[in-house]
Amino acid sequence: MWATIFLLGCHMVCVPALVFVGEPEDRITEFEKPMWWHCQAVNGTANIEYRWEFKSQRLPRNGDQTVFPNGTLVLHRVTYDDVGTYRCTANSGDRQLKSREATLQIACMIYRLTSYVPSAPKFKIYRQWYGLCIFQS
């Protein structure tokens, strides 16, 4: 895709448009499991840098997540503090493009104890799946 810019009414300069070809989507994941989003933009050149936002603030760089040069964000161990909205920003020179927001939720399964059988040295627990809960911000 190309964007056309008209200068001085008679000269035309074509510059590559910055467009997303992959944006993050809403996700439901499990507690303490890894999770990732892909974000990819194209502009005709390879000079694109990616940043991620969490709850409309720049995502702090720490050991809990990794942002790869290709735009992929990895959350190494999802906790309840990670629940919320995320957004990717692609930067290419003087152009900047923000992706749509994606929401992260945590799912958990609820079990109920139906019975247990003691045995040495361990005992066996019988449980029945009871329901599903979703944690969201």
N, C-alpha and C. Protein backbone atom coordinates (compact mmCIF):
# COMPACT_ATOMS: atom_id res chain seq x y z
N MET A 1 0.85 -1.18 0.00
CA MET A 1 0.00 0.00 0.00
C MET A 1 0.89 1.24 0.00
N TRP A 2 0.45 2.24 -0.70
CA TRP A 2 1.21 3.47 -0.80
C TRP A 2 0.31 4.65 -0.49
N ALA A 3 0.87 5.62 0.18
CA ALA A 3 0.17 6.86 0.44
C ALA A 3 0.76 7.92 -0.48
N THR A 4 -0.06 8.77 -1.02
CA THR A 4 0.41 9.81 -1.93
C THR A 4 0.36 11.15 -1.23
N ILE A 5 1.46 11.88 -1.31
CA ILE A 5 1.54 13.22 -0.73
C ILE A 5 1.78 14.21 -1.86
N PHE A 6 0.96 15.24 -1.95
CA PHE A 6 1.14 16.26 -2.98
C PHE A 6 1.85 17.46 -2.38
N LEU A 7 2.93 17.89 -3.04
CA LEU A 7 3.70 19.02 -2.56
C LEU A 7 3.67 20.13 -3.61
N LEU A 8 3.48 21.35 -3.19
CA LEU A 8 3.49 22.54 -4.04
C LEU A 8 2.48 22.45 -5.18
N GLY A 9 1.50 21.58 -5.08
CA GLY A 9 0.45 21.49 -6.06
C GLY A 9 0.82 20.81 -7.37
N CYS A 10 2.11 20.57 -7.64
CA CYS A 10 2.46 19.98 -8.93
C CYS A 10 3.43 18.82 -8.81
N HIS A 11 4.10 18.67 -7.71
CA HIS A 11 5.03 17.56 -7.52
C HIS A 11 4.37 16.48 -6.69
N MET A 12 4.63 15.25 -7.03
CA MET A 12 4.04 14.15 -6.29
C MET A 12 5.16 13.26 -5.74
N VAL A 13 5.07 12.92 -4.47
CA VAL A 13 6.03 12.04 -3.83
C VAL A 13 5.25 10.87 -3.25
N CYS A 14 5.65 9.65 -3.57
CA CYS A 14 5.00 8.47 -3.01
C CYS A 14 5.84 7.92 -1.88
N VAL A 15 5.22 7.70 -0.75
CA VAL A 15 5.91 7.13 0.40
C VAL A 15 5.13 5.90 0.85
N PRO A 16 5.82 4.88 1.33
CA PRO A 16 5.09 3.70 1.77
C PRO A 16 4.23 3.99 2.99
N ALA A 17 3.00 3.53 2.97
CA ALA A 17 2.09 3.70 4.11
C ALA A 17 2.43 2.67 5.18
N LEU A 18 2.28 3.05 6.41
CA LEU A 18 2.49 2.13 7.54
C LEU A 18 1.14 1.50 7.85
N VAL A 19 1.02 0.19 7.65
CA VAL A 19 -0.25 -0.51 7.88
C VAL A 19 0.01 -1.79 8.67
N PHE A 20 -0.97 -2.16 9.48
CA PHE A 20 -0.87 -3.42 10.22
C PHE A 20 -1.30 -4.59 9.34
N VAL A 21 -0.54 -5.67 9.41
CA VAL A 21 -0.94 -6.92 8.77
C VAL A 21 -1.27 -7.96 9.84
N GLY A 22 -0.97 -7.66 11.08
CA GLY A 22 -1.31 -8.52 12.21
C GLY A 22 -1.46 -7.67 13.47
N GLU A 23 -2.63 -7.76 14.10
CA GLU A 23 -2.88 -7.00 15.32
C GLU A 23 -3.29 -7.94 16.45
N PRO A 24 -3.06 -7.53 17.69
CA PRO A 24 -3.46 -8.39 18.81
C PRO A 24 -4.98 -8.52 18.89
N GLU A 25 -5.41 -9.67 19.38
CA GLU A 25 -6.84 -9.93 19.57
C GLU A 25 -7.09 -10.30 21.03
N ASP A 26 -8.34 -10.18 21.47
CA ASP A 26 -8.70 -10.54 22.85
C ASP A 26 -8.28 -11.97 23.13
N ARG A 27 -7.79 -12.19 24.37
CA ARG A 27 -7.33 -13.53 24.74
C ARG A 27 -7.82 -13.88 26.14
N ILE A 28 -8.10 -15.16 26.33
CA ILE A 28 -8.37 -15.73 27.65
C ILE A 28 -7.31 -16.79 27.86
N THR A 29 -6.59 -16.70 28.96
CA THR A 29 -5.50 -17.64 29.22
C THR A 29 -5.59 -18.16 30.64
N GLU A 30 -4.70 -19.08 30.97
CA GLU A 30 -4.68 -19.68 32.30
C GLU A 30 -3.71 -18.94 33.21
N PHE A 31 -3.99 -18.95 34.49
CA PHE A 31 -3.15 -18.33 35.50
C PHE A 31 -1.78 -19.00 35.52
N GLU A 32 -0.73 -18.17 35.59
CA GLU A 32 0.67 -18.58 35.69
C GLU A 32 1.18 -19.35 34.46
N LYS A 33 0.51 -19.22 33.33
CA LYS A 33 0.97 -19.83 32.07
C LYS A 33 1.52 -18.71 31.18
N PRO A 34 2.40 -19.06 30.24
CA PRO A 34 2.88 -18.03 29.31
C PRO A 34 1.80 -17.69 28.28
N MET A 35 1.88 -16.47 27.73
CA MET A 35 0.92 -16.00 26.76
C MET A 35 1.63 -15.02 25.85
N TRP A 36 1.22 -14.97 24.58
CA TRP A 36 1.88 -14.03 23.66
C TRP A 36 0.86 -13.45 22.70
N TRP A 37 1.23 -12.25 22.21
CA TRP A 37 0.49 -11.58 21.16
C TRP A 37 1.46 -11.24 20.04
N HIS A 38 0.96 -11.28 18.82
CA HIS A 38 1.76 -10.88 17.67
C HIS A 38 1.25 -9.53 17.17
N CYS A 39 2.18 -8.71 16.74
CA CYS A 39 1.87 -7.40 16.17
C CYS A 39 2.83 -7.21 15.01
N GLN A 40 2.30 -6.96 13.82
CA GLN A 40 3.18 -6.80 12.67
C GLN A 40 2.64 -5.72 11.75
N ALA A 41 3.52 -4.81 11.38
CA ALA A 41 3.17 -3.75 10.44
C ALA A 41 4.16 -3.80 9.27
N VAL A 42 3.75 -3.26 8.14
CA VAL A 42 4.63 -3.17 6.97
C VAL A 42 4.57 -1.74 6.44
N ASN A 43 5.67 -1.34 5.80
CA ASN A 43 5.73 -0.01 5.21
C ASN A 43 6.65 0.05 3.99
N GLY A 44 7.09 -1.07 3.48
CA GLY A 44 7.99 -1.08 2.35
C GLY A 44 9.46 -1.08 2.74
N THR A 45 9.74 -0.81 4.01
CA THR A 45 11.11 -0.89 4.52
C THR A 45 11.10 -1.77 5.76
N ALA A 46 12.27 -2.10 6.25
CA ALA A 46 12.37 -2.99 7.42
C ALA A 46 12.60 -2.23 8.71
N ASN A 47 12.54 -0.91 8.68
CA ASN A 47 12.86 -0.11 9.86
C ASN A 47 11.62 0.21 10.69
N ILE A 48 11.06 -0.80 11.32
CA ILE A 48 9.88 -0.61 12.17
C ILE A 48 10.25 -1.04 13.58
N GLU A 49 9.94 -0.18 14.54
CA GLU A 49 10.13 -0.50 15.96
C GLU A 49 8.76 -0.62 16.60
N TYR A 50 8.66 -1.53 17.58
CA TYR A 50 7.37 -1.80 18.23
C TYR A 50 7.46 -1.47 19.71
N ARG A 51 6.36 -0.92 20.23
CA ARG A 51 6.18 -0.66 21.66
C ARG A 51 4.82 -1.21 22.04
N TRP A 52 4.69 -1.60 23.29
CA TRP A 52 3.40 -2.09 23.78
C TRP A 52 2.93 -1.22 24.93
N GLU A 53 1.61 -1.07 25.00
CA GLU A 53 0.98 -0.35 26.11
C GLU A 53 0.10 -1.31 26.89
N PHE A 54 0.00 -1.04 28.19
CA PHE A 54 -0.87 -1.80 29.07
C PHE A 54 -1.72 -0.80 29.83
N LYS A 55 -3.04 -0.91 29.71
CA LYS A 55 -3.98 0.02 30.33
C LYS A 55 -3.62 1.47 29.98
N SER A 56 -3.34 1.72 28.70
CA SER A 56 -3.04 3.04 28.14
C SER A 56 -1.72 3.64 28.62
N GLN A 57 -0.88 2.87 29.27
CA GLN A 57 0.44 3.32 29.71
C GLN A 57 1.51 2.47 29.03
N ARG A 58 2.66 3.07 28.78
CA ARG A 58 3.74 2.29 28.16
C ARG A 58 4.08 1.10 29.06
N LEU A 59 4.18 -0.08 28.46
CA LEU A 59 4.47 -1.30 29.21
C LEU A 59 5.89 -1.22 29.74
N PRO A 60 6.07 -1.32 31.05
CA PRO A 60 7.43 -1.23 31.60
C PRO A 60 8.27 -2.44 31.21
N ARG A 61 9.53 -2.22 30.98
CA ARG A 61 10.45 -3.32 30.64
C ARG A 61 10.91 -3.97 31.94
N ASN A 62 10.59 -5.24 32.10
CA ASN A 62 11.07 -6.00 33.25
C ASN A 62 11.15 -7.46 32.86
N GLY A 63 11.50 -8.32 33.77
CA GLY A 63 11.69 -9.73 33.47
C GLY A 63 10.39 -10.51 33.29
N ASP A 64 9.24 -9.86 33.53
CA ASP A 64 7.96 -10.56 33.41
C ASP A 64 7.49 -10.70 31.97
N GLN A 65 8.03 -9.88 31.07
CA GLN A 65 7.63 -9.94 29.67
C GLN A 65 8.81 -9.61 28.77
N THR A 66 8.65 -9.99 27.50
CA THR A 66 9.67 -9.71 26.49
C THR A 66 8.98 -9.17 25.25
N VAL A 67 9.51 -8.10 24.67
CA VAL A 67 9.05 -7.59 23.39
C VAL A 67 10.15 -7.90 22.38
N PHE A 68 9.83 -8.72 21.40
CA PHE A 68 10.80 -9.10 20.38
C PHE A 68 10.82 -8.06 19.26
N PRO A 69 11.93 -7.96 18.52
CA PRO A 69 12.02 -6.98 17.43
C PRO A 69 10.94 -7.15 16.36
N ASN A 70 10.36 -8.34 16.22
CA ASN A 70 9.31 -8.54 15.22
C ASN A 70 7.94 -8.10 15.71
N GLY A 71 7.84 -7.53 16.93
CA GLY A 71 6.58 -7.02 17.46
C GLY A 71 5.85 -7.96 18.40
N THR A 72 6.36 -9.16 18.59
CA THR A 72 5.70 -10.13 19.47
C THR A 72 5.95 -9.78 20.94
N LEU A 73 4.87 -9.78 21.72
CA LEU A 73 4.95 -9.58 23.17
C LEU A 73 4.70 -10.91 23.84
N VAL A 74 5.61 -11.31 24.74
CA VAL A 74 5.45 -12.54 25.51
C VAL A 74 5.34 -12.18 26.98
N LEU A 75 4.25 -12.64 27.61
CA LEU A 75 4.11 -12.56 29.07
C LEU A 75 4.51 -13.94 29.58
N HIS A 76 5.60 -14.00 30.33
CA HIS A 76 6.17 -15.30 30.70
C HIS A 76 5.35 -16.08 31.70
N ARG A 77 4.65 -15.39 32.59
CA ARG A 77 3.86 -16.05 33.63
C ARG A 77 2.71 -15.12 34.00
N VAL A 78 1.56 -15.34 33.41
CA VAL A 78 0.43 -14.43 33.58
C VAL A 78 -0.10 -14.50 35.00
N THR A 79 -0.27 -13.32 35.60
CA THR A 79 -0.88 -13.21 36.93
C THR A 79 -2.09 -12.28 36.82
N TYR A 80 -2.80 -12.12 37.92
CA TYR A 80 -3.98 -11.27 37.92
C TYR A 80 -3.62 -9.81 37.64
N ASP A 81 -2.38 -9.40 37.94
CA ASP A 81 -1.94 -8.04 37.64
C ASP A 81 -1.83 -7.79 36.14
N ASP A 82 -1.76 -8.83 35.33
CA ASP A 82 -1.63 -8.69 33.88
C ASP A 82 -2.97 -8.54 33.17
N VAL A 83 -4.07 -8.73 33.88
CA VAL A 83 -5.40 -8.64 33.28
C VAL A 83 -5.69 -7.19 32.90
N GLY A 84 -6.16 -6.98 31.66
CA GLY A 84 -6.49 -5.63 31.22
C GLY A 84 -6.35 -5.49 29.72
N THR A 85 -6.21 -4.25 29.26
CA THR A 85 -6.12 -3.98 27.83
C THR A 85 -4.68 -3.70 27.40
N TYR A 86 -4.35 -4.19 26.22
CA TYR A 86 -3.01 -4.04 25.63
C TYR A 86 -3.16 -3.43 24.24
N ARG A 87 -2.11 -2.74 23.81
CA ARG A 87 -2.10 -2.15 22.47
C ARG A 87 -0.65 -2.09 21.99
N CYS A 88 -0.48 -2.35 20.71
CA CYS A 88 0.83 -2.30 20.07
C CYS A 88 0.95 -0.99 19.29
N THR A 89 2.14 -0.39 19.32
CA THR A 89 2.42 0.79 18.53
C THR A 89 3.59 0.50 17.62
N ALA A 90 3.42 0.74 16.32
CA ALA A 90 4.49 0.56 15.34
C ALA A 90 5.04 1.93 14.98
N ASN A 91 6.35 2.07 15.02
CA ASN A 91 7.01 3.34 14.69
C ASN A 91 7.95 3.12 13.52
N SER A 92 7.85 3.99 12.53
CA SER A 92 8.73 3.93 11.37
C SER A 92 9.10 5.35 10.99
N GLY A 93 10.28 5.78 11.43
CA GLY A 93 10.69 7.16 11.14
C GLY A 93 9.75 8.15 11.79
N ASP A 94 9.10 8.98 10.98
CA ASP A 94 8.18 9.97 11.51
C ASP A 94 6.73 9.50 11.54
N ARG A 95 6.51 8.23 11.19
CA ARG A 95 5.15 7.68 11.19
C ARG A 95 4.95 6.76 12.39
N GLN A 96 3.76 6.82 12.94
CA GLN A 96 3.40 6.00 14.09
C GLN A 96 1.97 5.50 13.88
N LEU A 97 1.75 4.22 14.23
CA LEU A 97 0.43 3.63 14.06
C LEU A 97 0.11 2.78 15.28
N LYS A 98 -1.07 2.99 15.86
CA LYS A 98 -1.49 2.21 17.03
C LYS A 98 -2.47 1.14 16.60
N SER A 99 -2.29 -0.06 17.16
CA SER A 99 -3.20 -1.17 16.86
C SER A 99 -4.50 -1.00 17.64
N ARG A 100 -5.44 -1.87 17.35
CA ARG A 100 -6.66 -1.91 18.16
C ARG A 100 -6.28 -2.44 19.55
N GLU A 101 -7.13 -2.18 20.52
CA GLU A 101 -6.90 -2.70 21.87
C GLU A 101 -7.30 -4.16 21.94
N ALA A 102 -6.55 -4.92 22.72
CA ALA A 102 -6.86 -6.33 22.97
C ALA A 102 -6.95 -6.52 24.48
N THR A 103 -7.91 -7.31 24.91
CA THR A 103 -8.13 -7.52 26.35
C THR A 103 -7.64 -8.91 26.75
N LEU A 104 -6.91 -8.95 27.86
CA LEU A 104 -6.45 -10.21 28.44
C LEU A 104 -7.30 -10.53 29.65
N GLN A 105 -7.81 -11.76 29.69
CA GLN A 105 -8.57 -12.26 30.83
C GLN A 105 -7.95 -13.57 31.27
N ILE A 106 -8.19 -13.95 32.51
CA ILE A 106 -7.69 -15.22 33.05
C ILE A 106 -8.88 -16.12 33.33
N ALA A 107 -8.77 -17.35 32.84
CA ALA A 107 -9.82 -18.34 33.08
C ALA A 107 -9.35 -19.30 34.16
N CYS A 108 -10.27 -19.80 34.92
CA CYS A 108 -9.94 -20.83 35.89
C CYS A 108 -11.08 -21.85 35.90
N MET A 109 -10.75 -23.06 36.26
CA MET A 109 -11.78 -24.10 36.36
C MET A 109 -12.08 -24.34 37.83
N ILE A 110 -13.33 -24.50 38.12
CA ILE A 110 -13.75 -24.74 39.50
C ILE A 110 -14.11 -26.22 39.62
N TYR A 111 -13.51 -26.85 40.59
CA TYR A 111 -13.79 -28.26 40.85
C TYR A 111 -14.44 -28.38 42.22
N ARG A 112 -15.18 -29.42 42.41
CA ARG A 112 -15.67 -29.70 43.76
C ARG A 112 -15.21 -31.11 44.12
N LEU A 113 -14.85 -31.26 45.34
CA LEU A 113 -14.38 -32.55 45.86
C LEU A 113 -15.57 -33.48 46.01
N THR A 114 -15.51 -34.61 45.35
CA THR A 114 -16.62 -35.56 45.47
C THR A 114 -16.29 -36.65 46.49
N SER A 115 -15.04 -37.07 46.54
CA SER A 115 -14.63 -38.05 47.55
C SER A 115 -13.12 -38.21 47.48
N TYR A 116 -12.57 -38.84 48.49
CA TYR A 116 -11.15 -39.16 48.46
C TYR A 116 -10.94 -40.51 49.11
N VAL A 117 -9.89 -41.18 48.64
CA VAL A 117 -9.57 -42.51 49.15
C VAL A 117 -8.17 -42.46 49.76
N PRO A 118 -8.06 -42.57 51.09
CA PRO A 118 -6.73 -42.54 51.69
C PRO A 118 -5.95 -43.82 51.36
N SER A 119 -4.70 -43.65 51.07
CA SER A 119 -3.80 -44.79 50.86
C SER A 119 -2.40 -44.33 51.18
N ALA A 120 -1.54 -45.24 51.55
CA ALA A 120 -0.17 -44.88 51.94
C ALA A 120 0.72 -44.93 50.71
N PRO A 121 1.62 -44.02 50.51
CA PRO A 121 1.85 -42.80 51.29
C PRO A 121 1.03 -41.62 50.81
N LYS A 122 0.32 -41.75 49.70
CA LYS A 122 -0.48 -40.64 49.18
C LYS A 122 -1.95 -41.03 49.17
N PHE A 123 -2.81 -40.07 49.08
CA PHE A 123 -4.22 -40.39 48.93
C PHE A 123 -4.72 -39.83 47.60
N LYS A 124 -5.73 -40.41 47.08
CA LYS A 124 -6.27 -40.03 45.78
C LYS A 124 -7.51 -39.17 45.99
N ILE A 125 -7.56 -38.07 45.26
CA ILE A 125 -8.71 -37.17 45.34
C ILE A 125 -9.54 -37.34 44.07
N TYR A 126 -10.81 -37.55 44.25
CA TYR A 126 -11.73 -37.60 43.12
C TYR A 126 -12.46 -36.26 43.07
N ARG A 127 -12.40 -35.63 41.94
CA ARG A 127 -13.07 -34.34 41.82
C ARG A 127 -13.86 -34.29 40.53
N GLN A 128 -14.84 -33.45 40.53
CA GLN A 128 -15.71 -33.31 39.38
C GLN A 128 -15.65 -31.87 38.92
N TRP A 129 -15.53 -31.69 37.59
CA TRP A 129 -15.50 -30.33 37.05
C TRP A 129 -16.83 -29.68 37.32
N TYR A 130 -16.79 -28.46 37.83
CA TYR A 130 -18.00 -27.82 38.30
C TYR A 130 -18.35 -26.55 37.53
N GLY A 131 -17.36 -25.83 37.05
CA GLY A 131 -17.67 -24.58 36.35
C GLY A 131 -16.43 -23.87 35.89
N LEU A 132 -16.62 -22.69 35.36
CA LEU A 132 -15.55 -21.88 34.81
C LEU A 132 -15.71 -20.46 35.30
N CYS A 133 -14.60 -19.84 35.65
CA CYS A 133 -14.68 -18.43 36.06
C CYS A 133 -13.71 -17.63 35.18
N ILE A 134 -14.02 -16.38 34.95
CA ILE A 134 -13.20 -15.49 34.14
C ILE A 134 -12.86 -14.27 35.00
N PHE A 135 -11.58 -13.94 35.10
CA PHE A 135 -11.15 -12.74 35.81
C PHE A 135 -10.88 -11.67 34.78
N GLN A 136 -11.48 -10.50 34.96
CA GLN A 136 -11.26 -9.40 34.05
C GLN A 136 -11.17 -8.11 34.84
N SER A 137 -10.56 -7.11 34.23
CA SER A 137 -10.38 -5.83 34.94
C SER A 137 -11.61 -4.98 34.84
